[in-house]
Amino acid sequence: MGFSLWNLFKAGLLLTNGAMILNRRRFLAKYGLDDVSNMNVDPSSRPLQVQVIGLLQAIQYLKVPVVVCNIITIIFELILGGT
């Protein structure tokens, strides 16, 4: 696997897919990453945790574009032959 823009795109897509399948109630609530209001502390005292929660919530809105990117990636890999 070479270092190319296509491989960087696929790696980012895999990370996005991994973050999208995290269930908010079953998995993220155990670590306090389900919602900012459930932190039990002042959000300004933990800015990194607030940023992670915001990122995980924003990724949930990317479901349709990520599905489209997955389909495009699968088609390209089938046509061009994956490495």
PDB file of N, CA and C in Angstrom:
ATOM      1  N   MET A   1       0.856  -1.181   0.000  1.00  0.00           N
ATOM      2  CA  MET A   1       0.000   0.000   0.000  1.00  0.00           C
ATOM      3  C   MET A   1       0.888   1.225   0.000  1.00  0.00           C
ATOM      4  N   GLY A   2       0.851   1.939  -1.111  1.00  0.00           N
ATOM      5  CA  GLY A   2       1.668   3.132  -1.252  1.00  0.00           C
ATOM      6  C   GLY A   2       1.041   4.329  -0.560  1.00  0.00           C
ATOM      7  N   PHE A   3       1.819   5.369  -0.476  1.00  0.00           N
ATOM      8  CA  PHE A   3       1.361   6.603   0.152  1.00  0.00           C
ATOM      9  C   PHE A   3       0.822   7.506  -0.951  1.00  0.00           C
ATOM     10  N   SER A   4      -0.490   7.472  -1.162  1.00  0.00           N
ATOM     11  CA  SER A   4      -1.110   8.278  -2.212  1.00  0.00           C
ATOM     12  C   SER A   4      -2.372   8.931  -1.663  1.00  0.00           C
ATOM     13  N   LEU A   5      -2.903   9.852  -2.447  1.00  0.00           N
ATOM     14  CA  LEU A   5      -4.132  10.526  -2.030  1.00  0.00           C
ATOM     15  C   LEU A   5      -5.292   9.546  -1.955  1.00  0.00           C
ATOM     16  N   TRP A   6      -5.323   8.563  -2.865  1.00  0.00           N
ATOM     17  CA  TRP A   6      -6.397   7.573  -2.843  1.00  0.00           C
ATOM     18  C   TRP A   6      -6.345   6.759  -1.558  1.00  0.00           C
ATOM     19  N   ASN A   7      -5.150   6.349  -1.148  1.00  0.00           N
ATOM     20  CA  ASN A   7      -5.024   5.564   0.078  1.00  0.00           C
ATOM     21  C   ASN A   7      -5.311   6.408   1.317  1.00  0.00           C
ATOM     22  N   LEU A   8      -4.952   7.684   1.286  1.00  0.00           N
ATOM     23  CA  LEU A   8      -5.306   8.570   2.398  1.00  0.00           C
ATOM     24  C   LEU A   8      -6.821   8.749   2.483  1.00  0.00           C
ATOM     25  N   PHE A   9      -7.476   8.862   1.324  1.00  0.00           N
ATOM     26  CA  PHE A   9      -8.940   8.958   1.289  1.00  0.00           C
ATOM     27  C   PHE A   9      -9.575   7.703   1.876  1.00  0.00           C
ATOM     28  N   LYS A  10      -9.061   6.526   1.486  1.00  0.00           N
ATOM     29  CA  LYS A  10      -9.618   5.279   2.004  1.00  0.00           C
ATOM     30  C   LYS A  10      -9.389   5.150   3.508  1.00  0.00           C
ATOM     31  N   ALA A  11      -8.232   5.588   4.003  1.00  0.00           N
ATOM     32  CA  ALA A  11      -7.964   5.523   5.442  1.00  0.00           C
ATOM     33  C   ALA A  11      -8.908   6.455   6.205  1.00  0.00           C
ATOM     34  N   GLY A  12      -9.127   7.649   5.682  1.00  0.00           N
ATOM     35  CA  GLY A  12     -10.069   8.580   6.311  1.00  0.00           C
ATOM     36  C   GLY A  12     -11.491   8.055   6.288  1.00  0.00           C
ATOM     37  N   LEU A  13     -11.846   7.395   5.188  1.00  0.00           N
ATOM     38  CA  LEU A  13     -13.178   6.809   5.082  1.00  0.00           C
ATOM     39  C   LEU A  13     -13.353   5.686   6.092  1.00  0.00           C
ATOM     40  N   LEU A  14     -12.328   4.873   6.274  1.00  0.00           N
ATOM     41  CA  LEU A  14     -12.396   3.798   7.269  1.00  0.00           C
ATOM     42  C   LEU A  14     -12.533   4.357   8.683  1.00  0.00           C
ATOM     43  N   LEU A  15     -11.793   5.410   8.995  1.00  0.00           N
ATOM     44  CA  LEU A  15     -11.907   6.029  10.326  1.00  0.00           C
ATOM     45  C   LEU A  15     -13.290   6.640  10.536  1.00  0.00           C
ATOM     46  N   THR A  16     -13.827   7.266   9.490  1.00  0.00           N
ATOM     47  CA  THR A  16     -15.169   7.843   9.591  1.00  0.00           C
ATOM     48  C   THR A  16     -16.214   6.754   9.778  1.00  0.00           C
ATOM     49  N   ASN A  17     -16.064   5.647   9.036  1.00  0.00           N
ATOM     50  CA  ASN A  17     -16.989   4.523   9.217  1.00  0.00           C
ATOM     51  C   ASN A  17     -16.911   3.980  10.642  1.00  0.00           C
ATOM     52  N   GLY A  18     -15.711   3.886  11.171  1.00  0.00           N
ATOM     53  CA  GLY A  18     -15.543   3.389  12.535  1.00  0.00           C
ATOM     54  C   GLY A  18     -16.184   4.300  13.565  1.00  0.00           C
ATOM     55  N   ALA A  19     -16.067   5.606  13.366  1.00  0.00           N
ATOM     56  CA  ALA A  19     -16.683   6.547  14.313  1.00  0.00           C
ATOM     57  C   ALA A  19     -18.203   6.567  14.173  1.00  0.00           C
ATOM     58  N   MET A  20     -18.707   6.292  12.967  1.00  0.00           N
ATOM     59  CA  MET A  20     -20.154   6.329  12.759  1.00  0.00           C
ATOM     60  C   MET A  20     -20.869   5.163  13.420  1.00  0.00           C
ATOM     61  N   ILE A  21     -20.204   4.030  13.572  1.00  0.00           N
ATOM     62  CA  ILE A  21     -20.903   2.871  14.122  1.00  0.00           C
ATOM     63  C   ILE A  21     -20.912   2.851  15.643  1.00  0.00           C
ATOM     64  N   LEU A  22     -20.239   3.816  16.276  1.00  0.00           N
ATOM     65  CA  LEU A  22     -20.259   3.877  17.737  1.00  0.00           C
ATOM     66  C   LEU A  22     -21.656   4.256  18.207  1.00  0.00           C
ATOM     67  N   ASN A  23     -22.243   3.411  18.992  1.00  0.00           N
ATOM     68  CA  ASN A  23     -23.586   3.663  19.489  1.00  0.00           C
ATOM     69  C   ASN A  23     -23.509   4.617  20.674  1.00  0.00           C
ATOM     70  N   ARG A  24     -24.297   5.671  20.603  1.00  0.00           N
ATOM     71  CA  ARG A  24     -24.240   6.711  21.635  1.00  0.00           C
ATOM     72  C   ARG A  24     -24.663   6.196  23.001  1.00  0.00           C
ATOM     73  N   ARG A  25     -25.743   5.452  23.057  1.00  0.00           N
ATOM     74  CA  ARG A  25     -26.260   5.011  24.355  1.00  0.00           C
ATOM     75  C   ARG A  25     -25.494   3.823  24.929  1.00  0.00           C
ATOM     76  N   ARG A  26     -25.101   2.890  24.081  1.00  0.00           N
ATOM     77  CA  ARG A  26     -24.466   1.672  24.595  1.00  0.00           C
ATOM     78  C   ARG A  26     -22.969   1.836  24.833  1.00  0.00           C
ATOM     79  N   PHE A  27     -22.277   2.543  23.953  1.00  0.00           N
ATOM     80  CA  PHE A  27     -20.826   2.607  24.061  1.00  0.00           C
ATOM     81  C   PHE A  27     -20.329   3.953  24.585  1.00  0.00           C
ATOM     82  N   LEU A  28     -20.780   5.028  23.971  1.00  0.00           N
ATOM     83  CA  LEU A  28     -20.250   6.343  24.317  1.00  0.00           C
ATOM     84  C   LEU A  28     -20.680   6.809  25.704  1.00  0.00           C
ATOM     85  N   ALA A  29     -21.840   6.386  26.185  1.00  0.00           N
ATOM     86  CA  ALA A  29     -22.308   6.799  27.509  1.00  0.00           C
ATOM     87  C   ALA A  29     -21.405   6.247  28.610  1.00  0.00           C
ATOM     88  N   LYS A  30     -20.788   5.098  28.370  1.00  0.00           N
ATOM     89  CA  LYS A  30     -19.876   4.531  29.376  1.00  0.00           C
ATOM     90  C   LYS A  30     -18.690   5.441  29.646  1.00  0.00           C
ATOM     91  N   TYR A  31     -18.266   6.168  28.615  1.00  0.00           N
ATOM     92  CA  TYR A  31     -17.082   7.021  28.728  1.00  0.00           C
ATOM     93  C   TYR A  31     -17.426   8.500  28.839  1.00  0.00           C
ATOM     94  N   GLY A  32     -18.701   8.811  28.961  1.00  0.00           N
ATOM     95  CA  GLY A  32     -19.133  10.195  29.109  1.00  0.00           C
ATOM     96  C   GLY A  32     -19.031  10.997  27.828  1.00  0.00           C
ATOM     97  N   LEU A  33     -19.087  10.323  26.670  1.00  0.00           N
ATOM     98  CA  LEU A  33     -18.963  11.015  25.398  1.00  0.00           C
ATOM     99  C   LEU A  33     -20.274  11.065  24.629  1.00  0.00           C
ATOM    100  N   ASP A  34     -21.388  10.834  25.300  1.00  0.00           N
ATOM    101  CA  ASP A  34     -22.661  10.805  24.596  1.00  0.00           C
ATOM    102  C   ASP A  34     -23.260  12.189  24.403  1.00  0.00           C
ATOM    103  N   ASP A  35     -23.109  13.083  25.377  1.00  0.00           N
ATOM    104  CA  ASP A  35     -23.699  14.407  25.265  1.00  0.00           C
ATOM    105  C   ASP A  35     -22.955  15.353  26.192  1.00  0.00           C
ATOM    106  N   VAL A  36     -22.881  16.613  25.802  1.00  0.00           N
ATOM    107  CA  VAL A  36     -22.187  17.609  26.619  1.00  0.00           C
ATOM    108  C   VAL A  36     -22.931  17.837  27.928  1.00  0.00           C
ATOM    109  N   SER A  37     -24.257  17.748  27.904  1.00  0.00           N
ATOM    110  CA  SER A  37     -25.038  18.009  29.105  1.00  0.00           C
ATOM    111  C   SER A  37     -24.888  16.894  30.146  1.00  0.00           C
ATOM    112  N   ASN A  38     -24.396  15.730  29.761  1.00  0.00           N
ATOM    113  CA  ASN A  38     -24.218  14.616  30.691  1.00  0.00           C
ATOM    114  C   ASN A  38     -22.803  14.514  31.251  1.00  0.00           C
ATOM    115  N   MET A  39     -22.006  15.563  31.137  1.00  0.00           N
ATOM    116  CA  MET A  39     -20.600  15.502  31.566  1.00  0.00           C
ATOM    117  C   MET A  39     -20.446  15.612  33.081  1.00  0.00           C
ATOM    118  N   ASN A  40     -21.406  16.146  33.779  1.00  0.00           N
ATOM    119  CA  ASN A  40     -21.379  16.332  35.234  1.00  0.00           C
ATOM    120  C   ASN A  40     -20.280  17.279  35.702  1.00  0.00           C
ATOM    121  N   VAL A  41     -19.663  18.008  34.789  1.00  0.00           N
ATOM    122  CA  VAL A  41     -18.684  19.048  35.119  1.00  0.00           C
ATOM    123  C   VAL A  41     -18.895  20.209  34.153  1.00  0.00           C
ATOM    124  N   ASP A  42     -18.212  21.308  34.424  1.00  0.00           N
ATOM    125  CA  ASP A  42     -18.282  22.467  33.548  1.00  0.00           C
ATOM    126  C   ASP A  42     -17.591  22.140  32.223  1.00  0.00           C
ATOM    127  N   PRO A  43     -18.274  22.315  31.091  1.00  0.00           N
ATOM    128  CA  PRO A  43     -17.660  21.985  29.806  1.00  0.00           C
ATOM    129  C   PRO A  43     -16.386  22.770  29.507  1.00  0.00           C
ATOM    130  N   SER A  44     -16.262  23.980  30.067  1.00  0.00           N
ATOM    131  CA  SER A  44     -15.052  24.759  29.807  1.00  0.00           C
ATOM    132  C   SER A  44     -13.839  24.187  30.533  1.00  0.00           C
ATOM    133  N   SER A  45     -14.049  23.323  31.520  1.00  0.00           N
ATOM    134  CA  SER A  45     -12.910  22.714  32.203  1.00  0.00           C
ATOM    135  C   SER A  45     -12.348  21.516  31.441  1.00  0.00           C
ATOM    136  N   ARG A  46     -13.098  21.000  30.469  1.00  0.00           N
ATOM    137  CA  ARG A  46     -12.639  19.872  29.645  1.00  0.00           C
ATOM    138  C   ARG A  46     -12.879  20.178  28.170  1.00  0.00           C
ATOM    139  N   PRO A  47     -12.092  21.085  27.598  1.00  0.00           N
ATOM    140  CA  PRO A  47     -12.354  21.470  26.205  1.00  0.00           C
ATOM    141  C   PRO A  47     -12.085  20.341  25.203  1.00  0.00           C
ATOM    142  N   LEU A  48     -11.124  19.466  25.468  1.00  0.00           N
ATOM    143  CA  LEU A  48     -10.840  18.374  24.542  1.00  0.00           C
ATOM    144  C   LEU A  48     -12.002  17.392  24.487  1.00  0.00           C
ATOM    145  N   GLN A  49     -12.579  17.078  25.630  1.00  0.00           N
ATOM    146  CA  GLN A  49     -13.709  16.155  25.671  1.00  0.00           C
ATOM    147  C   GLN A  49     -14.921  16.762  24.961  1.00  0.00           C
ATOM    148  N   VAL A  50     -15.128  18.061  25.108  1.00  0.00           N
ATOM    149  CA  VAL A  50     -16.229  18.730  24.425  1.00  0.00           C
ATOM    150  C   VAL A  50     -16.002  18.687  22.914  1.00  0.00           C
ATOM    151  N   GLN A  51     -14.754  18.867  22.478  1.00  0.00           N
ATOM    152  CA  GLN A  51     -14.450  18.796  21.045  1.00  0.00           C
ATOM    153  C   GLN A  51     -14.688  17.398  20.489  1.00  0.00           C
ATOM    154  N   VAL A  52     -14.323  16.364  21.244  1.00  0.00           N
ATOM    155  CA  VAL A  52     -14.541  14.985  20.800  1.00  0.00           C
ATOM    156  C   VAL A  52     -16.032  14.690  20.705  1.00  0.00           C
ATOM    157  N   ILE A  53     -16.807  15.150  21.687  1.00  0.00           N
ATOM    158  CA  ILE A  53     -18.259  14.953  21.653  1.00  0.00           C
ATOM    159  C   ILE A  53     -18.854  15.658  20.438  1.00  0.00           C
ATOM    160  N   GLY A  54     -18.406  16.874  20.174  1.00  0.00           N
ATOM    161  CA  GLY A  54     -18.887  17.616  19.009  1.00  0.00           C
ATOM    162  C   GLY A  54     -18.532  16.928  17.707  1.00  0.00           C
ATOM    163  N   LEU A  55     -17.320  16.372  17.623  1.00  0.00           N
ATOM    164  CA  LEU A  55     -16.905  15.654  16.423  1.00  0.00           C
ATOM    165  C   LEU A  55     -17.750  14.404  16.206  1.00  0.00           C
ATOM    166  N   LEU A  56     -17.985  13.650  17.268  1.00  0.00           N
ATOM    167  CA  LEU A  56     -18.786  12.433  17.146  1.00  0.00           C
ATOM    168  C   LEU A  56     -20.228  12.740  16.768  1.00  0.00           C
ATOM    169  N   GLN A  57     -20.766  13.848  17.278  1.00  0.00           N
ATOM    170  CA  GLN A  57     -22.125  14.235  16.912  1.00  0.00           C
ATOM    171  C   GLN A  57     -22.179  14.745  15.475  1.00  0.00           C
ATOM    172  N   ALA A  58     -21.146  15.438  15.027  1.00  0.00           N
ATOM    173  CA  ALA A  58     -21.123  15.948  13.655  1.00  0.00           C
ATOM    174  C   ALA A  58     -20.992  14.808  12.646  1.00  0.00           C
ATOM    175  N   ILE A  59     -20.260  13.772  13.001  1.00  0.00           N
ATOM    176  CA  ILE A  59     -20.082  12.640  12.096  1.00  0.00           C
ATOM    177  C   ILE A  59     -21.409  11.935  11.854  1.00  0.00           C
ATOM    178  N   GLN A  60     -22.307  11.973  12.820  1.00  0.00           N
ATOM    179  CA  GLN A  60     -23.601  11.318  12.650  1.00  0.00           C
ATOM    180  C   GLN A  60     -24.427  11.954  11.532  1.00  0.00           C
ATOM    181  N   TYR A  61     -24.153  13.226  11.206  1.00  0.00           N
ATOM    182  CA  TYR A  61     -24.870  13.893  10.127  1.00  0.00           C
ATOM    183  C   TYR A  61     -24.297  13.546   8.760  1.00  0.00           C
ATOM    184  N   LEU A  62     -23.166  12.852   8.717  1.00  0.00           N
ATOM    185  CA  LEU A  62     -22.511  12.519   7.456  1.00  0.00           C
ATOM    186  C   LEU A  62     -22.883  11.141   6.927  1.00  0.00           C
ATOM    187  N   LYS A  63     -23.955  10.571   7.391  1.00  0.00           N
ATOM    188  CA  LYS A  63     -24.291   9.196   7.003  1.00  0.00           C
ATOM    189  C   LYS A  63     -24.485   9.043   5.506  1.00  0.00           C
ATOM    190  N   VAL A  64     -25.275   9.885   4.883  1.00  0.00           N
ATOM    191  CA  VAL A  64     -25.543   9.748   3.454  1.00  0.00           C
ATOM    192  C   VAL A  64     -24.284   9.995   2.619  1.00  0.00           C
ATOM    193  N   PRO A  65     -23.510  11.077   2.862  1.00  0.00           N
ATOM    194  CA  PRO A  65     -22.284  11.249   2.075  1.00  0.00           C
ATOM    195  C   PRO A  65     -21.270  10.112   2.276  1.00  0.00           C
ATOM    196  N   VAL A  66     -21.201   9.556   3.469  1.00  0.00           N
ATOM    197  CA  VAL A  66     -20.259   8.462   3.708  1.00  0.00           C
ATOM    198  C   VAL A  66     -20.713   7.205   2.979  1.00  0.00           C
ATOM    199  N   VAL A  67     -22.001   6.954   2.924  1.00  0.00           N
ATOM    200  CA  VAL A  67     -22.511   5.801   2.173  1.00  0.00           C
ATOM    201  C   VAL A  67     -22.183   5.976   0.687  1.00  0.00           C
ATOM    202  N   VAL A  68     -22.353   7.182   0.167  1.00  0.00           N
ATOM    203  CA  VAL A  68     -22.027   7.450  -1.234  1.00  0.00           C
ATOM    204  C   VAL A  68     -20.534   7.257  -1.473  1.00  0.00           C
ATOM    205  N   CYS A  69     -19.699   7.750  -0.569  1.00  0.00           N
ATOM    206  CA  CYS A  69     -18.245   7.563  -0.701  1.00  0.00           C
ATOM    207  C   CYS A  69     -17.873   6.088  -0.611  1.00  0.00           C
ATOM    208  N   ASN A  70     -18.549   5.330   0.229  1.00  0.00           N
ATOM    209  CA  ASN A  70     -18.301   3.890   0.305  1.00  0.00           C
ATOM    210  C   ASN A  70     -18.638   3.214  -1.016  1.00  0.00           C
ATOM    211  N   ILE A  71     -19.760   3.574  -1.613  1.00  0.00           N
ATOM    212  CA  ILE A  71     -20.158   2.982  -2.891  1.00  0.00           C
ATOM    213  C   ILE A  71     -19.156   3.330  -3.984  1.00  0.00           C
ATOM    214  N   ILE A  72     -18.741   4.591  -4.036  1.00  0.00           N
ATOM    215  CA  ILE A  72     -17.746   5.005  -5.034  1.00  0.00           C
ATOM    216  C   ILE A  72     -16.436   4.257  -4.832  1.00  0.00           C
ATOM    217  N   THR A  73     -16.017   4.110  -3.584  1.00  0.00           N
ATOM    218  CA  THR A  73     -14.776   3.394  -3.298  1.00  0.00           C
ATOM    219  C   THR A  73     -14.870   1.932  -3.711  1.00  0.00           C
ATOM    220  N   ILE A  74     -15.993   1.305  -3.430  1.00  0.00           N
ATOM    221  CA  ILE A  74     -16.173  -0.103  -3.809  1.00  0.00           C
ATOM    222  C   ILE A  74     -16.153  -0.258  -5.325  1.00  0.00           C
ATOM    223  N   ILE A  75     -16.824   0.645  -6.031  1.00  0.00           N
ATOM    224  CA  ILE A  75     -16.847   0.564  -7.491  1.00  0.00           C
ATOM    225  C   ILE A  75     -15.438   0.752  -8.063  1.00  0.00           C
ATOM    226  N   PHE A  76     -14.703   1.755  -7.564  1.00  0.00           N
ATOM    227  CA  PHE A  76     -13.338   1.969  -8.049  1.00  0.00           C
ATOM    228  C   PHE A  76     -12.443   0.778  -7.746  1.00  0.00           C
ATOM    229  N   GLU A  77     -12.592   0.220  -6.569  1.00  0.00           N
ATOM    230  CA  GLU A  77     -11.760  -0.939  -6.212  1.00  0.00           C
ATOM    231  C   GLU A  77     -12.101  -2.143  -7.085  1.00  0.00           C
ATOM    232  N   LEU A  78     -13.381  -2.327  -7.423  1.00  0.00           N
ATOM    233  CA  LEU A  78     -13.763  -3.445  -8.295  1.00  0.00           C
ATOM    234  C   LEU A  78     -13.273  -3.225  -9.723  1.00  0.00           C
ATOM    235  N   ILE A  79     -13.387  -2.010 -10.222  1.00  0.00           N
ATOM    236  CA  ILE A  79     -12.986  -1.725 -11.602  1.00  0.00           C
ATOM    237  C   ILE A  79     -11.462  -1.703 -11.747  1.00  0.00           C
ATOM    238  N   LEU A  80     -10.793  -0.993 -10.861  1.00  0.00           N
ATOM    239  CA  LEU A  80      -9.350  -0.808 -10.993  1.00  0.00           C
ATOM    240  C   LEU A  80      -8.534  -1.899 -10.325  1.00  0.00           C
ATOM    241  N   GLY A  81      -9.173  -2.704  -9.507  1.00  0.00           N
ATOM    242  CA  GLY A  81      -8.443  -3.752  -8.807  1.00  0.00           C
ATOM    243  C   GLY A  81      -7.704  -3.164  -7.609  1.00  0.00           C
ATOM    244  N   GLY A  82      -8.154  -3.496  -6.434  1.00  0.00           N
ATOM    245  CA  GLY A  82      -7.572  -2.953  -5.202  1.00  0.00           C
ATOM    246  C   GLY A  82      -6.175  -3.477  -4.954  1.00  0.00           C
ATOM    247  N   THR A  83      -5.445  -2.716  -4.183  1.00  0.00           N
ATOM    248  CA  THR A  83      -4.070  -3.125  -3.848  1.00  0.00           C
ATOM    249  C   THR A  83      -4.049  -3.915  -2.591  1.00  0.00           C
TER     250      THR A  83
END
